Amino acid sequence: MTAAIDMMDRDEYGLYFLTAKGKGFYDRLKKIEYLALTAMKGEDTMSSVALSVRGKVRELGYDKIPELFDKNPYMHEIYSTEEAMKALTVFQIYEGSGEWFELSKKPIERDSFTFGGAEKRQKGFFITDACIGCGNCTAVCPQNYILNDDIPYVIEQAHCLHCGNCLTACAVGAVGRR
C-alpha cells in the first residue's frame, strides 16, 4: 500500500509528518508502526536526487500541529480552522535508516545513514582477498569505480550503482554482497 505524504519537519530526534485520523493510512501506521518512503527531486531521472528512508513510527498526537502549521503555512489553506485541524495527528519516524542517491553527477553519488540509534548495515558489493587482479570486474563496471591500484581491487561505494555486474563477471568468485 502507498500514500502520498509531506515531511513537515525534522530534528535530531527524527522526521515529522501528519495525517488525518480518518484515513486508512492512519490505520496502517497504527497497526504496522513502520514506514518506508522514497522522495525524488529533479526534472527527470538523470537530474534527480533521490532519498529513501525506512523506519519505526510513533504517533505524537496533536500538540506539535501548531508548530508544523507555522513551518508549513500552506496547511492553513487545507485545514483553515482549529476544529478542522483536530482531524489531524502527528507521526514521527524516530528510528531508521536511509540512502541518498544523486544521478545528476558523474559519477553518481550515494551515501547511507541511520538515525535514532538504528544499527548501520553496509549494503552493496565488495571484493575479497580471493581477487586475482584479472580485471573482469573493472571491465563491466558502468561507473568505472572499481579501484585496481592493489589486489584485492576495491569497489568505491560512494559511486557504486549496486548493479551486480562485478559479481557475475568475477571468474574466481571474489566479489561478495552485503
N, C-alpha and C. Protein backbone atom coordinates (compact mmCIF):
# COMPACT_ATOMS: atom_id res chain seq x y z
N MET A 1 0.83 -1.18 0.00
CA MET A 1 0.00 0.00 0.00
C MET A 1 0.88 1.25 0.00
N THR A 2 0.44 2.27 -0.70
CA THR A 2 1.20 3.51 -0.76
C THR A 2 0.31 4.68 -0.34
N ALA A 3 0.95 5.77 0.03
CA ALA A 3 0.25 7.00 0.38
C ALA A 3 1.18 8.16 0.09
N ALA A 4 0.62 9.28 -0.29
CA ALA A 4 1.41 10.49 -0.50
C ALA A 4 1.44 11.27 0.81
N ILE A 5 2.65 11.62 1.26
CA ILE A 5 2.78 12.40 2.49
C ILE A 5 3.80 13.51 2.28
N ASP A 6 3.65 14.56 3.06
CA ASP A 6 4.64 15.65 3.10
C ASP A 6 5.40 15.53 4.40
N MET A 7 6.72 15.52 4.30
CA MET A 7 7.53 15.62 5.51
C MET A 7 7.44 17.07 5.96
N MET A 8 7.00 17.29 7.16
CA MET A 8 6.73 18.64 7.66
C MET A 8 7.90 19.25 8.43
N ASP A 9 8.74 18.40 9.02
CA ASP A 9 9.83 18.92 9.82
C ASP A 9 10.81 17.79 10.10
N ARG A 10 11.98 18.18 10.60
CA ARG A 10 12.98 17.23 11.02
C ARG A 10 13.78 17.86 12.13
N ASP A 11 14.34 17.03 12.98
CA ASP A 11 15.26 17.49 14.00
C ASP A 11 16.14 16.31 14.39
N GLU A 12 16.92 16.45 15.43
CA GLU A 12 17.83 15.38 15.82
C GLU A 12 17.10 14.13 16.32
N TYR A 13 15.79 14.24 16.51
CA TYR A 13 15.02 13.11 17.01
C TYR A 13 14.25 12.36 15.91
N GLY A 14 14.22 12.91 14.70
CA GLY A 14 13.56 12.20 13.62
C GLY A 14 12.91 13.12 12.60
N LEU A 15 12.00 12.53 11.82
CA LEU A 15 11.23 13.21 10.79
C LEU A 15 9.77 13.26 11.23
N TYR A 16 9.06 14.33 10.85
CA TYR A 16 7.68 14.51 11.30
C TYR A 16 6.76 14.72 10.10
N PHE A 17 5.61 14.07 10.16
CA PHE A 17 4.57 14.25 9.15
C PHE A 17 3.23 14.11 9.85
N LEU A 18 2.18 14.47 9.15
CA LEU A 18 0.86 14.32 9.76
C LEU A 18 -0.09 13.65 8.80
N THR A 19 -1.17 13.15 9.36
CA THR A 19 -2.23 12.56 8.57
C THR A 19 -3.53 12.71 9.33
N ALA A 20 -4.63 12.55 8.62
CA ALA A 20 -5.94 12.60 9.27
C ALA A 20 -6.24 11.24 9.90
N LYS A 21 -6.84 11.27 11.08
CA LYS A 21 -7.13 10.05 11.81
C LYS A 21 -8.19 9.19 11.12
N GLY A 22 -8.92 9.76 10.19
CA GLY A 22 -9.96 9.00 9.48
C GLY A 22 -9.46 8.25 8.26
N LYS A 23 -8.20 8.39 7.92
CA LYS A 23 -7.66 7.76 6.71
C LYS A 23 -7.19 6.33 6.97
N GLY A 24 -7.23 5.53 5.93
CA GLY A 24 -6.69 4.17 6.00
C GLY A 24 -5.20 4.18 6.30
N PHE A 25 -4.50 5.22 5.83
CA PHE A 25 -3.08 5.36 6.09
C PHE A 25 -2.82 5.43 7.60
N TYR A 26 -3.66 6.18 8.31
CA TYR A 26 -3.54 6.27 9.76
C TYR A 26 -3.67 4.88 10.39
N ASP A 27 -4.67 4.14 9.95
CA ASP A 27 -4.89 2.79 10.50
C ASP A 27 -3.68 1.89 10.25
N ARG A 28 -3.10 1.97 9.04
CA ARG A 28 -1.92 1.15 8.73
C ARG A 28 -0.72 1.55 9.59
N LEU A 29 -0.52 2.84 9.78
CA LEU A 29 0.59 3.29 10.63
C LEU A 29 0.43 2.80 12.06
N LYS A 30 -0.78 2.85 12.57
CA LYS A 30 -1.02 2.39 13.94
C LYS A 30 -0.81 0.89 14.07
N LYS A 31 -1.17 0.15 13.04
CA LYS A 31 -1.05 -1.30 13.08
C LYS A 31 0.39 -1.77 12.88
N ILE A 32 1.07 -1.21 11.88
CA ILE A 32 2.39 -1.69 11.49
C ILE A 32 3.50 -0.97 12.24
N GLU A 33 3.32 0.30 12.55
CA GLU A 33 4.32 1.12 13.24
C GLU A 33 5.66 1.17 12.50
N TYR A 34 5.58 1.18 11.17
CA TYR A 34 6.77 1.20 10.33
C TYR A 34 6.40 1.91 9.03
N LEU A 35 7.39 2.61 8.44
CA LEU A 35 7.14 3.34 7.22
C LEU A 35 8.38 3.26 6.32
N ALA A 36 8.16 3.12 5.03
CA ALA A 36 9.23 3.21 4.04
C ALA A 36 8.78 4.24 3.02
N LEU A 37 9.68 5.15 2.68
CA LEU A 37 9.32 6.19 1.72
C LEU A 37 10.49 6.48 0.80
N THR A 38 10.14 6.96 -0.38
CA THR A 38 11.13 7.41 -1.35
C THR A 38 10.68 8.76 -1.87
N ALA A 39 11.61 9.68 -1.94
CA ALA A 39 11.33 11.01 -2.47
C ALA A 39 12.35 11.32 -3.55
N MET A 40 11.91 12.02 -4.57
CA MET A 40 12.81 12.43 -5.65
C MET A 40 12.60 13.90 -5.94
N LYS A 41 13.70 14.56 -6.32
CA LYS A 41 13.63 15.95 -6.73
C LYS A 41 14.45 16.09 -8.00
N GLY A 42 13.85 16.66 -9.02
CA GLY A 42 14.54 16.86 -10.28
C GLY A 42 13.56 16.84 -11.43
N GLU A 43 14.05 17.27 -12.57
CA GLU A 43 13.21 17.33 -13.77
C GLU A 43 12.95 15.95 -14.36
N ASP A 44 13.96 15.10 -14.33
CA ASP A 44 13.84 13.76 -14.89
C ASP A 44 14.83 12.86 -14.15
N THR A 45 14.89 11.62 -14.51
CA THR A 45 15.73 10.66 -13.80
C THR A 45 17.18 11.11 -13.73
N MET A 46 17.73 11.60 -14.82
CA MET A 46 19.15 11.93 -14.85
C MET A 46 19.49 13.26 -14.15
N SER A 47 18.49 14.01 -13.74
CA SER A 47 18.77 15.23 -12.99
C SER A 47 18.25 15.12 -11.56
N SER A 48 17.96 13.91 -11.14
CA SER A 48 17.31 13.70 -9.85
C SER A 48 18.25 13.40 -8.70
N VAL A 49 17.79 13.81 -7.55
CA VAL A 49 18.35 13.39 -6.28
C VAL A 49 17.24 12.58 -5.62
N ALA A 50 17.56 11.39 -5.14
CA ALA A 50 16.56 10.53 -4.51
C ALA A 50 16.96 10.27 -3.07
N LEU A 51 15.96 10.14 -2.23
CA LEU A 51 16.16 9.85 -0.83
C LEU A 51 15.18 8.76 -0.44
N SER A 52 15.69 7.71 0.17
CA SER A 52 14.85 6.64 0.68
C SER A 52 15.06 6.56 2.19
N VAL A 53 13.97 6.41 2.91
CA VAL A 53 14.01 6.31 4.37
C VAL A 53 13.10 5.17 4.79
N ARG A 54 13.58 4.37 5.74
CA ARG A 54 12.79 3.29 6.33
C ARG A 54 12.93 3.40 7.83
N GLY A 55 11.81 3.25 8.55
CA GLY A 55 11.97 3.33 9.99
C GLY A 55 10.71 3.12 10.78
N LYS A 56 10.91 3.09 12.08
CA LYS A 56 9.82 2.93 13.03
C LYS A 56 9.11 4.26 13.21
N VAL A 57 7.78 4.19 13.33
CA VAL A 57 6.98 5.41 13.53
C VAL A 57 6.18 5.30 14.81
N ARG A 58 5.91 6.47 15.38
CA ARG A 58 5.01 6.53 16.53
C ARG A 58 4.16 7.78 16.40
N GLU A 59 2.96 7.66 16.93
CA GLU A 59 2.03 8.78 16.92
C GLU A 59 2.35 9.71 18.09
N LEU A 60 2.44 11.01 17.79
CA LEU A 60 2.69 12.01 18.82
C LEU A 60 1.44 12.77 19.21
N GLY A 61 0.41 12.70 18.38
CA GLY A 61 -0.84 13.40 18.70
C GLY A 61 -0.88 14.81 18.13
N TYR A 62 -1.67 15.66 18.78
CA TYR A 62 -1.99 16.98 18.27
C TYR A 62 -0.99 18.07 18.67
N ASP A 63 -0.30 17.92 19.76
CA ASP A 63 0.49 19.01 20.36
C ASP A 63 1.46 19.69 19.40
N LYS A 64 2.05 18.97 18.49
CA LYS A 64 3.05 19.53 17.57
C LYS A 64 2.42 20.16 16.32
N ILE A 65 1.12 20.02 16.14
CA ILE A 65 0.47 20.52 14.92
C ILE A 65 0.61 22.03 14.75
N PRO A 66 0.38 22.86 15.77
CA PRO A 66 0.57 24.32 15.54
C PRO A 66 1.99 24.65 15.06
N GLU A 67 2.99 24.00 15.59
CA GLU A 67 4.37 24.24 15.16
C GLU A 67 4.56 23.81 13.70
N LEU A 68 4.01 22.66 13.32
CA LEU A 68 4.14 22.20 11.94
C LEU A 68 3.39 23.11 10.97
N PHE A 69 2.24 23.63 11.37
CA PHE A 69 1.50 24.56 10.53
C PHE A 69 2.26 25.88 10.36
N ASP A 70 2.95 26.33 11.42
CA ASP A 70 3.76 27.54 11.30
C ASP A 70 4.90 27.34 10.30
N LYS A 71 5.49 26.16 10.30
CA LYS A 71 6.59 25.87 9.38
C LYS A 71 6.12 25.53 7.97
N ASN A 72 4.86 25.18 7.83
CA ASN A 72 4.27 24.79 6.54
C ASN A 72 2.95 25.54 6.39
N PRO A 73 2.99 26.85 6.14
CA PRO A 73 1.78 27.67 6.17
C PRO A 73 0.70 27.28 5.16
N TYR A 74 1.06 26.60 4.09
CA TYR A 74 0.06 26.16 3.12
C TYR A 74 -0.98 25.24 3.76
N MET A 75 -0.64 24.61 4.89
CA MET A 75 -1.58 23.72 5.57
C MET A 75 -2.82 24.47 6.06
N HIS A 76 -2.68 25.77 6.34
CA HIS A 76 -3.82 26.59 6.78
C HIS A 76 -4.87 26.71 5.67
N GLU A 77 -4.46 26.57 4.41
CA GLU A 77 -5.42 26.61 3.32
C GLU A 77 -6.23 25.33 3.23
N ILE A 78 -5.66 24.23 3.68
CA ILE A 78 -6.35 22.94 3.63
C ILE A 78 -7.21 22.73 4.88
N TYR A 79 -6.64 23.04 6.04
CA TYR A 79 -7.34 22.92 7.33
C TYR A 79 -7.37 24.31 7.94
N SER A 80 -8.39 25.10 7.56
CA SER A 80 -8.39 26.53 7.87
C SER A 80 -8.87 26.89 9.27
N THR A 81 -9.51 25.97 9.97
CA THR A 81 -9.98 26.26 11.32
C THR A 81 -9.33 25.31 12.32
N GLU A 82 -9.33 25.74 13.57
CA GLU A 82 -8.77 24.89 14.61
C GLU A 82 -9.56 23.59 14.73
N GLU A 83 -10.85 23.68 14.52
CA GLU A 83 -11.70 22.47 14.58
C GLU A 83 -11.31 21.49 13.47
N ALA A 84 -11.04 22.01 12.27
CA ALA A 84 -10.62 21.15 11.16
C ALA A 84 -9.27 20.52 11.46
N MET A 85 -8.38 21.27 12.08
CA MET A 85 -7.04 20.78 12.41
C MET A 85 -7.09 19.60 13.38
N LYS A 86 -8.15 19.50 14.15
CA LYS A 86 -8.26 18.42 15.15
C LYS A 86 -8.46 17.06 14.50
N ALA A 87 -8.71 17.03 13.21
CA ALA A 87 -8.81 15.75 12.50
C ALA A 87 -7.42 15.14 12.30
N LEU A 88 -6.37 15.93 12.51
CA LEU A 88 -5.00 15.53 12.21
C LEU A 88 -4.26 15.04 13.45
N THR A 89 -3.25 14.25 13.19
CA THR A 89 -2.33 13.81 14.23
C THR A 89 -0.93 13.75 13.63
N VAL A 90 0.06 13.92 14.48
CA VAL A 90 1.45 13.94 14.03
C VAL A 90 2.09 12.58 14.28
N PHE A 91 2.87 12.14 13.31
CA PHE A 91 3.68 10.93 13.45
C PHE A 91 5.15 11.33 13.34
N GLN A 92 5.97 10.56 14.00
CA GLN A 92 7.41 10.76 13.97
C GLN A 92 8.08 9.46 13.51
N ILE A 93 8.97 9.58 12.54
CA ILE A 93 9.86 8.46 12.20
C ILE A 93 11.06 8.66 13.13
N TYR A 94 11.17 7.80 14.11
CA TYR A 94 12.13 8.05 15.19
C TYR A 94 13.36 7.15 15.18
N GLU A 95 13.33 6.08 14.43
CA GLU A 95 14.50 5.21 14.34
C GLU A 95 14.48 4.55 12.97
N GLY A 96 15.59 4.65 12.25
CA GLY A 96 15.60 4.05 10.94
C GLY A 96 16.89 4.23 10.19
N SER A 97 16.79 4.01 8.90
CA SER A 97 17.94 4.12 8.02
C SER A 97 17.48 4.67 6.68
N GLY A 98 18.45 5.07 5.90
CA GLY A 98 18.10 5.62 4.60
C GLY A 98 19.29 5.69 3.68
N GLU A 99 19.00 6.16 2.48
CA GLU A 99 20.04 6.30 1.47
C GLU A 99 19.72 7.53 0.63
N TRP A 100 20.77 8.25 0.32
CA TRP A 100 20.71 9.40 -0.57
C TRP A 100 21.44 9.00 -1.84
N PHE A 101 20.86 9.33 -3.00
CA PHE A 101 21.37 8.87 -4.28
C PHE A 101 21.24 10.00 -5.27
N GLU A 102 22.35 10.41 -5.90
CA GLU A 102 22.28 11.51 -6.85
C GLU A 102 22.77 11.07 -8.22
N LEU A 103 21.85 11.07 -9.18
CA LEU A 103 22.18 10.68 -10.55
C LEU A 103 22.62 11.86 -11.41
N SER A 104 22.44 13.08 -10.92
CA SER A 104 22.77 14.24 -11.74
C SER A 104 24.27 14.50 -11.82
N LYS A 105 25.05 13.84 -11.00
CA LYS A 105 26.50 13.99 -11.03
C LYS A 105 27.14 12.80 -11.72
N LYS A 106 28.27 13.05 -12.31
CA LYS A 106 29.05 11.98 -12.93
C LYS A 106 30.39 11.91 -12.24
N PRO A 107 30.77 10.85 -11.60
CA PRO A 107 29.97 9.65 -11.39
C PRO A 107 28.84 9.91 -10.39
N ILE A 108 27.90 8.99 -10.38
CA ILE A 108 26.80 9.12 -9.42
C ILE A 108 27.37 9.15 -8.01
N GLU A 109 26.58 9.69 -7.09
CA GLU A 109 26.98 9.69 -5.68
C GLU A 109 25.88 9.07 -4.86
N ARG A 110 26.29 8.37 -3.79
CA ARG A 110 25.32 7.77 -2.89
C ARG A 110 25.94 7.72 -1.51
N ASP A 111 25.08 7.71 -0.52
CA ASP A 111 25.52 7.52 0.85
C ASP A 111 24.35 6.98 1.65
N SER A 112 24.66 6.22 2.65
CA SER A 112 23.61 5.71 3.53
C SER A 112 23.77 6.33 4.90
N PHE A 113 22.70 6.29 5.68
CA PHE A 113 22.72 6.88 7.01
C PHE A 113 21.74 6.15 7.90
N THR A 114 21.90 6.34 9.19
CA THR A 114 20.96 5.83 10.19
C THR A 114 20.64 6.97 11.14
N PHE A 115 19.55 6.80 11.89
CA PHE A 115 19.20 7.79 12.91
C PHE A 115 18.42 7.09 14.01
N GLY A 116 18.38 7.75 15.16
CA GLY A 116 17.62 7.22 16.28
C GLY A 116 18.18 5.95 16.89
N GLY A 117 19.45 5.71 16.71
CA GLY A 117 20.07 4.52 17.30
C GLY A 117 19.98 3.27 16.43
N ALA A 118 19.47 3.38 15.23
CA ALA A 118 19.41 2.21 14.34
C ALA A 118 20.82 1.78 13.97
N GLU A 119 21.00 0.50 13.85
CA GLU A 119 22.32 -0.05 13.50
C GLU A 119 22.59 0.14 12.01
N LYS A 120 23.75 0.68 11.69
CA LYS A 120 24.11 0.88 10.29
C LYS A 120 24.64 -0.43 9.72
N ARG A 121 24.02 -0.87 8.64
CA ARG A 121 24.45 -2.09 7.96
C ARG A 121 24.92 -1.72 6.56
N GLN A 122 26.10 -2.17 6.22
CA GLN A 122 26.64 -1.92 4.89
C GLN A 122 25.83 -2.70 3.86
N LYS A 123 25.61 -2.10 2.71
CA LYS A 123 24.93 -2.75 1.60
C LYS A 123 25.82 -2.63 0.38
N GLY A 124 25.59 -3.50 -0.57
CA GLY A 124 26.34 -3.41 -1.81
C GLY A 124 27.31 -4.56 -1.98
N PHE A 125 28.27 -4.35 -2.82
CA PHE A 125 29.23 -5.39 -3.20
C PHE A 125 30.62 -5.04 -2.69
N PHE A 126 31.43 -6.07 -2.48
CA PHE A 126 32.80 -5.88 -2.03
C PHE A 126 33.67 -6.97 -2.65
N ILE A 127 34.96 -6.75 -2.67
CA ILE A 127 35.90 -7.69 -3.27
C ILE A 127 36.77 -8.27 -2.15
N THR A 128 36.85 -9.59 -2.12
CA THR A 128 37.58 -10.29 -1.06
C THR A 128 39.04 -10.53 -1.44
N ASP A 129 39.77 -11.11 -0.51
CA ASP A 129 41.18 -11.45 -0.73
C ASP A 129 41.37 -12.53 -1.80
N ALA A 130 40.28 -13.15 -2.24
CA ALA A 130 40.39 -14.15 -3.31
C ALA A 130 40.63 -13.52 -4.68
N CYS A 131 40.59 -12.19 -4.75
CA CYS A 131 40.80 -11.46 -6.01
C CYS A 131 42.18 -11.80 -6.58
N ILE A 132 42.21 -12.07 -7.89
CA ILE A 132 43.48 -12.37 -8.56
C ILE A 132 43.92 -11.23 -9.49
N GLY A 133 43.12 -10.14 -9.53
CA GLY A 133 43.51 -8.98 -10.34
C GLY A 133 43.31 -9.17 -11.82
N CYS A 134 42.36 -9.98 -12.23
CA CYS A 134 42.16 -10.26 -13.66
C CYS A 134 41.54 -9.09 -14.41
N GLY A 135 40.80 -8.21 -13.72
CA GLY A 135 40.19 -7.05 -14.37
C GLY A 135 38.81 -7.27 -14.94
N ASN A 136 38.26 -8.48 -14.82
CA ASN A 136 36.91 -8.72 -15.35
C ASN A 136 35.89 -7.75 -14.74
N CYS A 137 36.02 -7.52 -13.46
CA CYS A 137 35.06 -6.65 -12.78
C CYS A 137 35.18 -5.20 -13.25
N THR A 138 36.39 -4.72 -13.43
CA THR A 138 36.58 -3.33 -13.86
C THR A 138 36.05 -3.12 -15.28
N ALA A 139 36.13 -4.15 -16.09
CA ALA A 139 35.66 -4.05 -17.48
C ALA A 139 34.15 -3.88 -17.57
N VAL A 140 33.39 -4.34 -16.57
CA VAL A 140 31.93 -4.30 -16.65
C VAL A 140 31.30 -3.28 -15.72
N CYS A 141 32.10 -2.54 -14.96
CA CYS A 141 31.55 -1.54 -14.03
C CYS A 141 31.08 -0.31 -14.81
N PRO A 142 29.77 -0.01 -14.81
CA PRO A 142 29.28 1.12 -15.59
C PRO A 142 29.77 2.47 -15.08
N GLN A 143 30.22 2.55 -13.84
CA GLN A 143 30.71 3.80 -13.28
C GLN A 143 32.23 3.90 -13.30
N ASN A 144 32.91 2.82 -13.65
CA ASN A 144 34.38 2.79 -13.65
C ASN A 144 34.95 3.18 -12.29
N TYR A 145 34.36 2.62 -11.24
CA TYR A 145 34.83 2.93 -9.89
C TYR A 145 35.20 1.69 -9.09
N ILE A 146 35.82 0.76 -9.76
CA ILE A 146 36.50 -0.32 -9.05
C ILE A 146 37.98 0.02 -9.12
N LEU A 147 38.54 0.29 -7.98
CA LEU A 147 39.93 0.72 -7.92
C LEU A 147 40.85 -0.48 -8.05
N ASN A 148 41.80 -0.42 -8.98
CA ASN A 148 42.68 -1.56 -9.24
C ASN A 148 44.15 -1.24 -8.96
N ASP A 149 44.37 -0.35 -8.02
CA ASP A 149 45.75 0.01 -7.65
C ASP A 149 46.46 -1.13 -6.91
N ASP A 150 45.69 -1.89 -6.16
CA ASP A 150 46.22 -3.02 -5.39
C ASP A 150 45.30 -4.22 -5.55
N ILE A 151 45.81 -5.37 -5.18
CA ILE A 151 44.99 -6.59 -5.15
C ILE A 151 44.79 -6.93 -3.67
N PRO A 152 43.59 -7.12 -3.21
CA PRO A 152 42.35 -7.16 -3.97
C PRO A 152 41.91 -5.76 -4.41
N TYR A 153 41.19 -5.74 -5.54
CA TYR A 153 40.60 -4.50 -6.01
C TYR A 153 39.59 -4.01 -4.97
N VAL A 154 39.21 -2.74 -5.09
CA VAL A 154 38.28 -2.13 -4.13
C VAL A 154 37.15 -1.44 -4.89
N ILE A 155 35.93 -1.70 -4.46
CA ILE A 155 34.77 -1.03 -5.06
C ILE A 155 34.54 0.28 -4.30
N GLU A 156 34.55 1.38 -5.01
CA GLU A 156 34.31 2.69 -4.41
C GLU A 156 32.80 2.81 -4.14
N GLN A 157 32.40 2.61 -2.90
CA GLN A 157 30.99 2.51 -2.54
C GLN A 157 30.18 3.78 -2.84
N ALA A 158 30.79 4.94 -2.72
CA ALA A 158 30.06 6.19 -2.95
C ALA A 158 29.60 6.36 -4.39
N HIS A 159 30.15 5.55 -5.32
CA HIS A 159 29.79 5.69 -6.72
C HIS A 159 29.21 4.40 -7.32
N CYS A 160 29.02 3.40 -6.51
CA CYS A 160 28.52 2.09 -6.98
C CYS A 160 27.01 2.15 -7.23
N LEU A 161 26.59 1.61 -8.36
CA LEU A 161 25.15 1.53 -8.70
C LEU A 161 24.47 0.32 -8.07
N HIS A 162 25.23 -0.58 -7.49
CA HIS A 162 24.72 -1.85 -6.95
C HIS A 162 24.06 -2.68 -8.06
N CYS A 163 24.64 -2.65 -9.24
CA CYS A 163 24.06 -3.36 -10.39
C CYS A 163 24.40 -4.85 -10.37
N GLY A 164 25.51 -5.23 -9.76
CA GLY A 164 25.90 -6.63 -9.68
C GLY A 164 26.73 -7.13 -10.84
N ASN A 165 27.08 -6.27 -11.79
CA ASN A 165 27.91 -6.72 -12.91
C ASN A 165 29.22 -7.34 -12.42
N CYS A 166 29.82 -6.73 -11.42
CA CYS A 166 31.11 -7.24 -10.91
C CYS A 166 30.96 -8.65 -10.33
N LEU A 167 29.84 -8.90 -9.68
CA LEU A 167 29.57 -10.21 -9.08
C LEU A 167 29.52 -11.29 -10.16
N THR A 168 28.79 -11.00 -11.21
CA THR A 168 28.63 -12.01 -12.26
C THR A 168 29.87 -12.15 -13.14
N ALA A 169 30.68 -11.10 -13.25
CA ALA A 169 31.87 -11.14 -14.11
C ALA A 169 33.08 -11.79 -13.45
N CYS A 170 33.10 -11.86 -12.13
CA CYS A 170 34.28 -12.36 -11.43
C CYS A 170 34.46 -13.86 -11.67
N ALA A 171 35.60 -14.21 -12.27
CA ALA A 171 35.88 -15.60 -12.63
C ALA A 171 36.21 -16.48 -11.44
N VAL A 172 36.62 -15.87 -10.32
CA VAL A 172 37.05 -16.68 -9.17
C VAL A 172 36.12 -16.52 -7.96
N GLY A 173 35.00 -15.83 -8.13
CA GLY A 173 34.04 -15.69 -7.03
C GLY A 173 34.54 -14.80 -5.90
N ALA A 174 35.36 -13.80 -6.23
CA ALA A 174 35.94 -12.93 -5.20
C ALA A 174 35.03 -11.75 -4.83
N VAL A 175 33.93 -11.58 -5.54
CA VAL A 175 33.02 -10.49 -5.23
C VAL A 175 31.87 -11.01 -4.37
N GLY A 176 31.63 -10.31 -3.27
CA GLY A 176 30.54 -10.68 -2.37
C GLY A 176 29.51 -9.58 -2.27
N ARG A 177 28.38 -9.92 -1.67
CA ARG A 177 27.29 -8.96 -1.49
C ARG A 177 26.96 -8.86 -0.01
N ARG A 178 26.78 -7.65 0.46
CA ARG A 178 26.38 -7.43 1.86
C ARG A 178 24.88 -7.40 1.95
